[in-house]
Amino acid sequence: MAQVGSSHSEKLSREQLTALHTLYALHAARAGADPDDRKSRLGWCSHELGRNVTSFGSLAPGEAAELIGILKHELGQAPTRPRPFRDRESAMLRGTAGRKGGVTNIATLATPEDLAETDRLREQLGWTREGFEIWLHSRRSPNHGRAELRTVADCNRVRWALLGILRRQRRAG
């Protein structure tokens, strides 16, 4: 095998490096090996990637993600999927649609990801679906009493309100 470092301009994140070390230590301990043995750790890594790896720090982010996925699978943990990147236009809509005073000529329909985000925030608050819908129908709703979340603007207004409620709850303890 040829010795190859990371030729990518992207650097491995601290979170990925920590996850690699932690997951490998669990993997090695489960296999009865020494989790602190650097030579066996790099040997495992080299074997999995099919190239000579001299350091976890020399890995590209994609390679680290692949190794983390392998380790999670071997340990029986659920894989985490990275959030898909939004294109420029949808990212702008997420940041501006639904703002007070903002005029939008064309309403953009909410995506399943937008609806899932509001569901995730609802669950963080510990609200049931019924309680959430009651809140959406109320006078205090950012959606002006309409329970349907149809557009990105609807989702944004509700998301910003839920985030505000979560922030206040965290401050209160």
N, C-alpha and C. Protein backbone atom coordinates (compact mmCIF):
# COMPACT_ATOMS: atom_id res chain seq x y z
N MET A 1 0.83 -1.19 0.00
CA MET A 1 0.00 0.00 0.00
C MET A 1 0.87 1.24 0.00
N ALA A 2 0.48 2.20 -0.77
CA ALA A 2 1.22 3.46 -0.81
C ALA A 2 0.76 4.33 0.34
N GLN A 3 1.71 5.06 0.91
CA GLN A 3 1.36 5.95 2.00
C GLN A 3 0.77 7.22 1.42
N VAL A 4 -0.46 7.50 1.82
CA VAL A 4 -1.17 8.65 1.29
C VAL A 4 -1.74 9.42 2.46
N GLY A 5 -1.54 10.72 2.46
CA GLY A 5 -2.16 11.57 3.48
C GLY A 5 -3.45 12.12 2.91
N SER A 6 -4.06 12.98 3.64
CA SER A 6 -5.28 13.62 3.17
C SER A 6 -4.91 14.68 2.15
N SER A 7 -5.30 14.47 0.91
CA SER A 7 -5.00 15.45 -0.12
C SER A 7 -6.15 16.43 -0.30
N HIS A 8 -7.13 16.35 0.60
CA HIS A 8 -8.31 17.20 0.50
C HIS A 8 -8.06 18.50 1.24
N SER A 9 -8.70 19.55 0.78
CA SER A 9 -8.55 20.84 1.45
C SER A 9 -9.35 20.88 2.75
N GLU A 10 -10.36 19.98 2.88
CA GLU A 10 -11.16 19.95 4.09
C GLU A 10 -10.40 19.24 5.19
N LYS A 11 -10.53 19.78 6.41
CA LYS A 11 -9.89 19.15 7.55
C LYS A 11 -10.91 18.35 8.33
N LEU A 12 -10.44 17.34 8.98
CA LEU A 12 -11.27 16.52 9.85
C LEU A 12 -11.73 17.37 11.03
N SER A 13 -13.01 17.30 11.36
CA SER A 13 -13.52 18.10 12.47
C SER A 13 -13.14 17.46 13.80
N ARG A 14 -13.11 18.26 14.84
CA ARG A 14 -12.79 17.76 16.17
C ARG A 14 -13.83 16.73 16.61
N GLU A 15 -15.09 16.96 16.24
CA GLU A 15 -16.15 16.03 16.61
C GLU A 15 -15.94 14.66 15.96
N GLN A 16 -15.54 14.67 14.68
CA GLN A 16 -15.30 13.40 14.00
C GLN A 16 -14.11 12.67 14.62
N LEU A 17 -13.05 13.40 14.93
CA LEU A 17 -11.87 12.79 15.53
C LEU A 17 -12.21 12.18 16.88
N THR A 18 -12.97 12.90 17.70
CA THR A 18 -13.38 12.39 19.00
C THR A 18 -14.25 11.15 18.84
N ALA A 19 -15.20 11.20 17.89
CA ALA A 19 -16.08 10.06 17.65
C ALA A 19 -15.27 8.84 17.21
N LEU A 20 -14.30 9.05 16.32
CA LEU A 20 -13.46 7.93 15.86
C LEU A 20 -12.72 7.28 17.02
N HIS A 21 -12.08 8.09 17.84
CA HIS A 21 -11.31 7.55 18.96
C HIS A 21 -12.22 6.83 19.95
N THR A 22 -13.35 7.41 20.26
CA THR A 22 -14.28 6.81 21.23
C THR A 22 -14.86 5.51 20.70
N LEU A 23 -15.34 5.53 19.46
CA LEU A 23 -15.94 4.32 18.88
C LEU A 23 -14.91 3.22 18.69
N TYR A 24 -13.68 3.60 18.28
CA TYR A 24 -12.66 2.57 18.11
C TYR A 24 -12.30 1.94 19.46
N ALA A 25 -12.24 2.76 20.52
CA ALA A 25 -11.93 2.22 21.85
C ALA A 25 -13.00 1.21 22.27
N LEU A 26 -14.27 1.50 22.01
CA LEU A 26 -15.34 0.56 22.33
C LEU A 26 -15.23 -0.71 21.49
N HIS A 27 -14.92 -0.52 20.21
CA HIS A 27 -14.76 -1.65 19.28
C HIS A 27 -13.60 -2.55 19.73
N ALA A 28 -12.47 -1.94 20.07
CA ALA A 28 -11.30 -2.72 20.48
C ALA A 28 -11.57 -3.44 21.80
N ALA A 29 -12.19 -2.76 22.75
CA ALA A 29 -12.48 -3.38 24.04
C ALA A 29 -13.42 -4.58 23.86
N ARG A 30 -14.39 -4.43 22.98
CA ARG A 30 -15.33 -5.53 22.72
C ARG A 30 -14.62 -6.72 22.08
N ALA A 31 -13.60 -6.43 21.25
CA ALA A 31 -12.85 -7.49 20.58
C ALA A 31 -11.76 -8.07 21.47
N GLY A 32 -11.58 -7.51 22.68
CA GLY A 32 -10.56 -8.00 23.60
C GLY A 32 -9.18 -7.45 23.31
N ALA A 33 -9.09 -6.41 22.51
CA ALA A 33 -7.80 -5.79 22.19
C ALA A 33 -7.58 -4.56 23.07
N ASP A 34 -6.37 -4.05 23.04
CA ASP A 34 -6.04 -2.85 23.81
C ASP A 34 -6.53 -1.62 23.05
N PRO A 35 -7.48 -0.86 23.62
CA PRO A 35 -8.00 0.31 22.92
C PRO A 35 -6.97 1.42 22.70
N ASP A 36 -5.89 1.39 23.48
CA ASP A 36 -4.88 2.44 23.37
C ASP A 36 -3.72 2.07 22.45
N ASP A 37 -3.76 0.90 21.83
CA ASP A 37 -2.68 0.47 20.95
C ASP A 37 -2.80 1.18 19.60
N ARG A 38 -1.95 2.18 19.42
CA ARG A 38 -2.01 3.03 18.22
C ARG A 38 -1.76 2.22 16.95
N LYS A 39 -0.80 1.29 17.02
CA LYS A 39 -0.44 0.51 15.84
C LYS A 39 -1.62 -0.33 15.35
N SER A 40 -2.33 -0.98 16.28
CA SER A 40 -3.47 -1.79 15.84
C SER A 40 -4.63 -0.91 15.36
N ARG A 41 -4.80 0.27 15.99
CA ARG A 41 -5.85 1.21 15.57
C ARG A 41 -5.60 1.67 14.14
N LEU A 42 -4.36 2.06 13.84
CA LEU A 42 -4.05 2.52 12.49
C LEU A 42 -4.05 1.36 11.49
N GLY A 43 -3.70 0.15 11.96
CA GLY A 43 -3.78 -1.03 11.10
C GLY A 43 -5.22 -1.33 10.71
N TRP A 44 -6.13 -1.23 11.68
CA TRP A 44 -7.55 -1.43 11.39
C TRP A 44 -8.04 -0.39 10.39
N CYS A 45 -7.67 0.85 10.63
CA CYS A 45 -8.09 1.96 9.77
C CYS A 45 -7.55 1.76 8.35
N SER A 46 -6.28 1.40 8.23
CA SER A 46 -5.66 1.17 6.92
C SER A 46 -6.36 0.03 6.19
N HIS A 47 -6.68 -1.03 6.92
CA HIS A 47 -7.36 -2.17 6.32
C HIS A 47 -8.74 -1.76 5.78
N GLU A 48 -9.49 -1.00 6.58
CA GLU A 48 -10.84 -0.60 6.18
C GLU A 48 -10.83 0.34 4.97
N LEU A 49 -9.85 1.22 4.90
CA LEU A 49 -9.81 2.19 3.80
C LEU A 49 -9.02 1.70 2.59
N GLY A 50 -8.22 0.64 2.77
CA GLY A 50 -7.44 0.11 1.66
C GLY A 50 -6.24 0.97 1.30
N ARG A 51 -5.76 1.73 2.27
CA ARG A 51 -4.55 2.53 2.07
C ARG A 51 -3.85 2.67 3.41
N ASN A 52 -2.57 3.03 3.38
CA ASN A 52 -1.80 3.19 4.61
C ASN A 52 -2.17 4.51 5.28
N VAL A 53 -2.66 4.42 6.50
CA VAL A 53 -3.03 5.61 7.25
C VAL A 53 -2.02 5.79 8.38
N THR A 54 -1.44 6.98 8.46
CA THR A 54 -0.42 7.24 9.48
C THR A 54 -0.98 7.93 10.72
N SER A 55 -2.18 8.47 10.62
CA SER A 55 -2.79 9.17 11.74
C SER A 55 -4.28 9.38 11.45
N PHE A 56 -5.10 9.30 12.49
CA PHE A 56 -6.51 9.61 12.30
C PHE A 56 -6.67 11.06 11.82
N GLY A 57 -5.79 11.93 12.27
CA GLY A 57 -5.85 13.34 11.89
C GLY A 57 -5.60 13.57 10.41
N SER A 58 -5.00 12.60 9.71
CA SER A 58 -4.73 12.76 8.28
C SER A 58 -5.91 12.34 7.41
N LEU A 59 -6.98 11.86 8.04
CA LEU A 59 -8.14 11.40 7.27
C LEU A 59 -8.94 12.57 6.72
N ALA A 60 -9.55 12.35 5.58
CA ALA A 60 -10.48 13.33 5.02
C ALA A 60 -11.81 13.16 5.76
N PRO A 61 -12.63 14.20 5.81
CA PRO A 61 -13.91 14.09 6.51
C PRO A 61 -14.79 12.96 5.99
N GLY A 62 -14.79 12.72 4.69
CA GLY A 62 -15.58 11.63 4.13
C GLY A 62 -15.09 10.26 4.58
N GLU A 63 -13.76 10.12 4.66
CA GLU A 63 -13.19 8.85 5.13
C GLU A 63 -13.54 8.63 6.61
N ALA A 64 -13.46 9.69 7.39
CA ALA A 64 -13.81 9.59 8.81
C ALA A 64 -15.27 9.20 8.97
N ALA A 65 -16.13 9.80 8.18
CA ALA A 65 -17.56 9.47 8.24
C ALA A 65 -17.79 8.01 7.89
N GLU A 66 -17.06 7.52 6.90
CA GLU A 66 -17.18 6.11 6.51
C GLU A 66 -16.74 5.20 7.66
N LEU A 67 -15.62 5.51 8.30
CA LEU A 67 -15.13 4.70 9.42
C LEU A 67 -16.08 4.76 10.61
N ILE A 68 -16.63 5.93 10.89
CA ILE A 68 -17.58 6.07 11.99
C ILE A 68 -18.80 5.20 11.71
N GLY A 69 -19.26 5.19 10.46
CA GLY A 69 -20.39 4.35 10.08
C GLY A 69 -20.09 2.87 10.28
N ILE A 70 -18.89 2.45 9.90
CA ILE A 70 -18.48 1.04 10.06
C ILE A 70 -18.47 0.68 11.54
N LEU A 71 -17.85 1.54 12.35
CA LEU A 71 -17.76 1.26 13.79
C LEU A 71 -19.15 1.23 14.43
N LYS A 72 -20.00 2.17 14.07
CA LYS A 72 -21.36 2.18 14.64
C LYS A 72 -22.10 0.91 14.26
N HIS A 73 -21.95 0.48 13.01
CA HIS A 73 -22.61 -0.74 12.57
C HIS A 73 -22.11 -1.95 13.37
N GLU A 74 -20.78 -2.05 13.55
CA GLU A 74 -20.20 -3.17 14.29
C GLU A 74 -20.60 -3.15 15.76
N LEU A 75 -20.85 -1.96 16.30
CA LEU A 75 -21.24 -1.84 17.71
C LEU A 75 -22.76 -1.92 17.90
N GLY A 76 -23.50 -2.01 16.80
CA GLY A 76 -24.94 -2.11 16.88
C GLY A 76 -25.64 -0.78 17.13
N GLN A 77 -24.97 0.32 16.83
CA GLN A 77 -25.56 1.64 17.01
C GLN A 77 -26.22 2.09 15.71
N ALA A 78 -27.24 2.90 15.86
CA ALA A 78 -27.92 3.42 14.67
C ALA A 78 -27.02 4.42 13.96
N PRO A 79 -26.92 4.32 12.65
CA PRO A 79 -26.09 5.28 11.91
C PRO A 79 -26.76 6.65 11.91
N THR A 80 -25.94 7.68 11.90
CA THR A 80 -26.48 9.03 11.79
C THR A 80 -26.27 9.48 10.36
N ARG A 81 -27.29 10.08 9.82
CA ARG A 81 -27.19 10.59 8.45
C ARG A 81 -26.97 12.08 8.52
N PRO A 82 -26.04 12.58 7.73
CA PRO A 82 -25.84 14.03 7.72
C PRO A 82 -27.05 14.72 7.12
N ARG A 83 -27.33 15.91 7.64
CA ARG A 83 -28.44 16.67 7.08
C ARG A 83 -28.09 17.08 5.66
N PRO A 84 -29.03 16.95 4.74
CA PRO A 84 -28.73 17.34 3.36
C PRO A 84 -28.57 18.86 3.27
N PHE A 85 -27.66 19.27 2.44
CA PHE A 85 -27.47 20.70 2.24
C PHE A 85 -28.61 21.26 1.42
N ARG A 86 -29.03 22.45 1.78
CA ARG A 86 -30.07 23.11 1.00
C ARG A 86 -29.40 23.90 -0.11
N ASP A 87 -30.10 24.01 -1.22
CA ASP A 87 -29.55 24.86 -2.26
C ASP A 87 -29.68 26.32 -1.80
N ARG A 88 -29.04 27.21 -2.48
CA ARG A 88 -28.97 28.61 -2.06
C ARG A 88 -30.36 29.24 -1.92
N GLU A 89 -31.25 28.96 -2.87
CA GLU A 89 -32.57 29.57 -2.84
C GLU A 89 -33.39 29.10 -1.65
N SER A 90 -33.38 27.77 -1.39
CA SER A 90 -34.17 27.27 -0.26
C SER A 90 -33.55 27.69 1.07
N ALA A 91 -32.23 27.85 1.12
CA ALA A 91 -31.59 28.34 2.34
C ALA A 91 -32.01 29.79 2.61
N MET A 92 -32.08 30.60 1.56
CA MET A 92 -32.53 31.98 1.73
C MET A 92 -33.98 32.02 2.20
N LEU A 93 -34.83 31.16 1.62
CA LEU A 93 -36.23 31.11 2.03
C LEU A 93 -36.35 30.71 3.49
N ARG A 94 -35.53 29.77 3.91
CA ARG A 94 -35.59 29.32 5.30
C ARG A 94 -35.25 30.47 6.24
N GLY A 95 -34.40 31.34 5.82
CA GLY A 95 -34.00 32.45 6.67
C GLY A 95 -34.90 33.66 6.59
N THR A 96 -35.66 33.81 5.50
CA THR A 96 -36.41 35.05 5.34
C THR A 96 -37.92 34.87 5.20
N ALA A 97 -38.38 33.75 4.71
CA ALA A 97 -39.83 33.57 4.51
C ALA A 97 -40.55 33.60 5.84
N GLY A 98 -41.62 34.38 5.90
CA GLY A 98 -42.42 34.45 7.10
C GLY A 98 -42.05 35.56 8.05
N ARG A 99 -41.02 36.34 7.73
CA ARG A 99 -40.63 37.44 8.61
C ARG A 99 -41.64 38.56 8.53
N LYS A 100 -41.78 39.25 9.65
CA LYS A 100 -42.69 40.40 9.68
C LYS A 100 -42.21 41.44 8.69
N GLY A 101 -43.13 41.99 7.94
CA GLY A 101 -42.79 43.02 6.98
C GLY A 101 -42.22 42.49 5.69
N GLY A 102 -41.93 41.20 5.63
CA GLY A 102 -41.40 40.62 4.41
C GLY A 102 -42.51 40.30 3.45
N VAL A 103 -42.36 40.72 2.22
CA VAL A 103 -43.38 40.46 1.21
C VAL A 103 -42.84 39.40 0.28
N THR A 104 -43.62 38.33 0.12
CA THR A 104 -43.23 37.25 -0.76
C THR A 104 -44.25 37.16 -1.88
N ASN A 105 -43.79 37.24 -3.09
CA ASN A 105 -44.70 37.16 -4.23
C ASN A 105 -45.16 35.73 -4.49
N ILE A 106 -44.29 34.77 -4.25
CA ILE A 106 -44.60 33.38 -4.52
C ILE A 106 -44.45 32.59 -3.23
N ALA A 107 -45.51 31.91 -2.84
CA ALA A 107 -45.45 31.06 -1.64
C ALA A 107 -44.79 29.74 -2.02
N THR A 108 -43.81 29.33 -1.22
CA THR A 108 -43.12 28.08 -1.46
C THR A 108 -43.68 27.03 -0.51
N LEU A 109 -44.11 25.90 -1.06
CA LEU A 109 -44.68 24.85 -0.23
C LEU A 109 -43.62 24.27 0.70
N ALA A 110 -44.06 23.92 1.89
CA ALA A 110 -43.16 23.34 2.89
C ALA A 110 -42.72 21.95 2.44
N THR A 111 -41.47 21.64 2.68
CA THR A 111 -40.94 20.32 2.34
C THR A 111 -41.14 19.39 3.53
N PRO A 112 -41.03 18.09 3.32
CA PRO A 112 -41.13 17.16 4.46
C PRO A 112 -40.07 17.46 5.54
N GLU A 113 -38.90 17.97 5.13
CA GLU A 113 -37.86 18.32 6.10
C GLU A 113 -38.30 19.48 6.98
N ASP A 114 -38.98 20.47 6.38
CA ASP A 114 -39.48 21.60 7.16
C ASP A 114 -40.50 21.14 8.19
N LEU A 115 -41.40 20.25 7.78
CA LEU A 115 -42.42 19.73 8.70
C LEU A 115 -41.79 18.86 9.78
N ALA A 116 -40.77 18.08 9.40
CA ALA A 116 -40.08 17.23 10.38
C ALA A 116 -39.37 18.09 11.43
N GLU A 117 -38.83 19.22 11.00
CA GLU A 117 -38.15 20.13 11.94
C GLU A 117 -39.12 20.65 12.98
N THR A 118 -40.33 21.04 12.58
CA THR A 118 -41.30 21.53 13.55
C THR A 118 -41.74 20.39 14.47
N ASP A 119 -41.85 19.18 13.94
CA ASP A 119 -42.18 18.02 14.78
C ASP A 119 -41.09 17.75 15.81
N ARG A 120 -39.83 17.86 15.37
CA ARG A 120 -38.70 17.64 16.29
C ARG A 120 -38.73 18.66 17.42
N LEU A 121 -39.00 19.92 17.10
CA LEU A 121 -39.07 20.96 18.13
C LEU A 121 -40.25 20.72 19.07
N ARG A 122 -41.39 20.29 18.51
CA ARG A 122 -42.56 19.97 19.32
C ARG A 122 -42.23 18.87 20.32
N GLU A 123 -41.52 17.85 19.86
CA GLU A 123 -41.13 16.74 20.74
C GLU A 123 -40.16 17.21 21.82
N GLN A 124 -39.23 18.12 21.48
CA GLN A 124 -38.31 18.65 22.47
C GLN A 124 -39.05 19.37 23.59
N LEU A 125 -40.16 20.02 23.23
CA LEU A 125 -40.96 20.70 24.24
C LEU A 125 -41.81 19.72 25.05
N GLY A 126 -41.96 18.49 24.55
CA GLY A 126 -42.76 17.49 25.24
C GLY A 126 -44.25 17.64 24.97
N TRP A 127 -44.59 18.31 23.89
CA TRP A 127 -45.99 18.53 23.53
C TRP A 127 -46.49 17.34 22.72
N THR A 128 -47.76 17.01 22.92
CA THR A 128 -48.41 16.00 22.08
C THR A 128 -48.85 16.68 20.78
N ARG A 129 -49.18 15.89 19.79
CA ARG A 129 -49.69 16.45 18.54
C ARG A 129 -50.97 17.24 18.78
N GLU A 130 -51.83 16.69 19.65
CA GLU A 130 -53.10 17.36 19.93
C GLU A 130 -52.85 18.72 20.61
N GLY A 131 -51.95 18.73 21.58
CA GLY A 131 -51.63 19.98 22.27
C GLY A 131 -51.02 20.99 21.32
N PHE A 132 -50.20 20.51 20.41
CA PHE A 132 -49.56 21.37 19.42
C PHE A 132 -50.62 22.00 18.51
N GLU A 133 -51.57 21.19 18.06
CA GLU A 133 -52.63 21.71 17.19
C GLU A 133 -53.54 22.70 17.92
N ILE A 134 -53.79 22.43 19.20
CA ILE A 134 -54.57 23.39 20.00
C ILE A 134 -53.83 24.72 20.06
N TRP A 135 -52.51 24.66 20.26
CA TRP A 135 -51.70 25.88 20.30
C TRP A 135 -51.75 26.60 18.96
N LEU A 136 -51.67 25.84 17.85
CA LEU A 136 -51.73 26.46 16.53
C LEU A 136 -53.06 27.16 16.28
N HIS A 137 -54.15 26.62 16.84
CA HIS A 137 -55.47 27.23 16.67
C HIS A 137 -55.68 28.43 17.60
N SER A 138 -54.82 28.59 18.59
CA SER A 138 -55.03 29.63 19.60
C SER A 138 -54.66 31.02 19.09
N ARG A 139 -55.01 32.02 19.90
CA ARG A 139 -54.67 33.42 19.57
C ARG A 139 -53.16 33.64 19.61
N ARG A 140 -52.47 32.86 20.42
CA ARG A 140 -51.03 33.04 20.58
C ARG A 140 -50.21 32.39 19.46
N SER A 141 -50.87 31.72 18.59
CA SER A 141 -50.19 31.03 17.50
C SER A 141 -49.54 32.03 16.55
N PRO A 142 -48.31 31.75 16.12
CA PRO A 142 -47.68 32.62 15.12
C PRO A 142 -48.32 32.44 13.75
N ASN A 143 -49.16 31.43 13.61
CA ASN A 143 -49.81 31.13 12.34
C ASN A 143 -51.22 31.71 12.28
N HIS A 144 -51.53 32.59 13.20
CA HIS A 144 -52.79 33.31 13.22
C HIS A 144 -54.01 32.39 13.27
N GLY A 145 -53.93 31.33 14.09
CA GLY A 145 -55.07 30.44 14.28
C GLY A 145 -55.26 29.38 13.22
N ARG A 146 -54.35 29.30 12.25
CA ARG A 146 -54.45 28.28 11.19
C ARG A 146 -53.53 27.12 11.55
N ALA A 147 -54.09 25.92 11.66
CA ALA A 147 -53.31 24.77 12.11
C ALA A 147 -52.47 24.13 11.01
N GLU A 148 -52.82 24.37 9.76
CA GLU A 148 -52.08 23.74 8.66
C GLU A 148 -50.78 24.49 8.41
N LEU A 149 -49.72 23.72 8.30
CA LEU A 149 -48.42 24.29 7.92
C LEU A 149 -48.22 23.95 6.45
N ARG A 150 -48.52 24.90 5.59
CA ARG A 150 -48.48 24.64 4.16
C ARG A 150 -47.23 25.18 3.48
N THR A 151 -46.77 26.32 3.93
CA THR A 151 -45.66 26.98 3.23
C THR A 151 -44.43 27.05 4.13
N VAL A 152 -43.30 27.38 3.50
CA VAL A 152 -42.07 27.58 4.25
C VAL A 152 -42.25 28.71 5.26
N ALA A 153 -43.00 29.74 4.87
CA ALA A 153 -43.24 30.86 5.78
C ALA A 153 -44.00 30.39 7.02
N ASP A 154 -45.01 29.54 6.85
CA ASP A 154 -45.75 28.99 7.99
C ASP A 154 -44.81 28.23 8.92
N CYS A 155 -44.01 27.36 8.33
CA CYS A 155 -43.08 26.54 9.12
C CYS A 155 -42.06 27.43 9.84
N ASN A 156 -41.55 28.45 9.14
CA ASN A 156 -40.58 29.35 9.77
C ASN A 156 -41.17 30.07 10.96
N ARG A 157 -42.38 30.62 10.81
CA ARG A 157 -43.00 31.35 11.92
C ARG A 157 -43.19 30.44 13.13
N VAL A 158 -43.65 29.21 12.89
CA VAL A 158 -43.86 28.26 13.98
C VAL A 158 -42.51 27.83 14.57
N ARG A 159 -41.54 27.58 13.70
CA ARG A 159 -40.22 27.16 14.18
C ARG A 159 -39.59 28.23 15.05
N TRP A 160 -39.66 29.49 14.62
CA TRP A 160 -39.07 30.57 15.42
C TRP A 160 -39.77 30.70 16.76
N ALA A 161 -41.10 30.53 16.78
CA ALA A 161 -41.84 30.61 18.05
C ALA A 161 -41.46 29.45 18.97
N LEU A 162 -41.36 28.25 18.43
CA LEU A 162 -40.98 27.09 19.25
C LEU A 162 -39.56 27.23 19.79
N LEU A 163 -38.65 27.74 18.96
CA LEU A 163 -37.28 27.96 19.43
C LEU A 163 -37.26 28.98 20.57
N GLY A 164 -38.08 30.01 20.45
CA GLY A 164 -38.17 31.01 21.52
C GLY A 164 -38.69 30.41 22.82
N ILE A 165 -39.69 29.54 22.71
CA ILE A 165 -40.24 28.87 23.90
C ILE A 165 -39.18 27.97 24.53
N LEU A 166 -38.46 27.23 23.70
CA LEU A 166 -37.39 26.36 24.20
C LEU A 166 -36.30 27.18 24.91
N ARG A 167 -35.93 28.31 24.32
CA ARG A 167 -34.90 29.16 24.92
C ARG A 167 -35.35 29.66 26.30
N ARG A 168 -36.61 30.11 26.38
CA ARG A 168 -37.14 30.59 27.66
C ARG A 168 -37.19 29.47 28.70
N GLN A 169 -37.55 28.27 28.28
CA GLN A 169 -37.58 27.14 29.20
C GLN A 169 -36.19 26.81 29.73
N ARG A 170 -35.20 26.87 28.84
CA ARG A 170 -33.82 26.57 29.27
C ARG A 170 -33.30 27.62 30.25
N ARG A 171 -33.65 28.88 30.00
CA ARG A 171 -33.24 29.96 30.92
C ARG A 171 -33.89 29.80 32.28
N ALA A 172 -35.16 29.36 32.28
CA ALA A 172 -35.90 29.21 33.53
C ALA A 172 -35.41 27.99 34.33
N GLY A 173 -34.72 27.10 33.66
CA GLY A 173 -34.16 25.95 34.37
C GLY A 173 -34.93 24.74 34.08
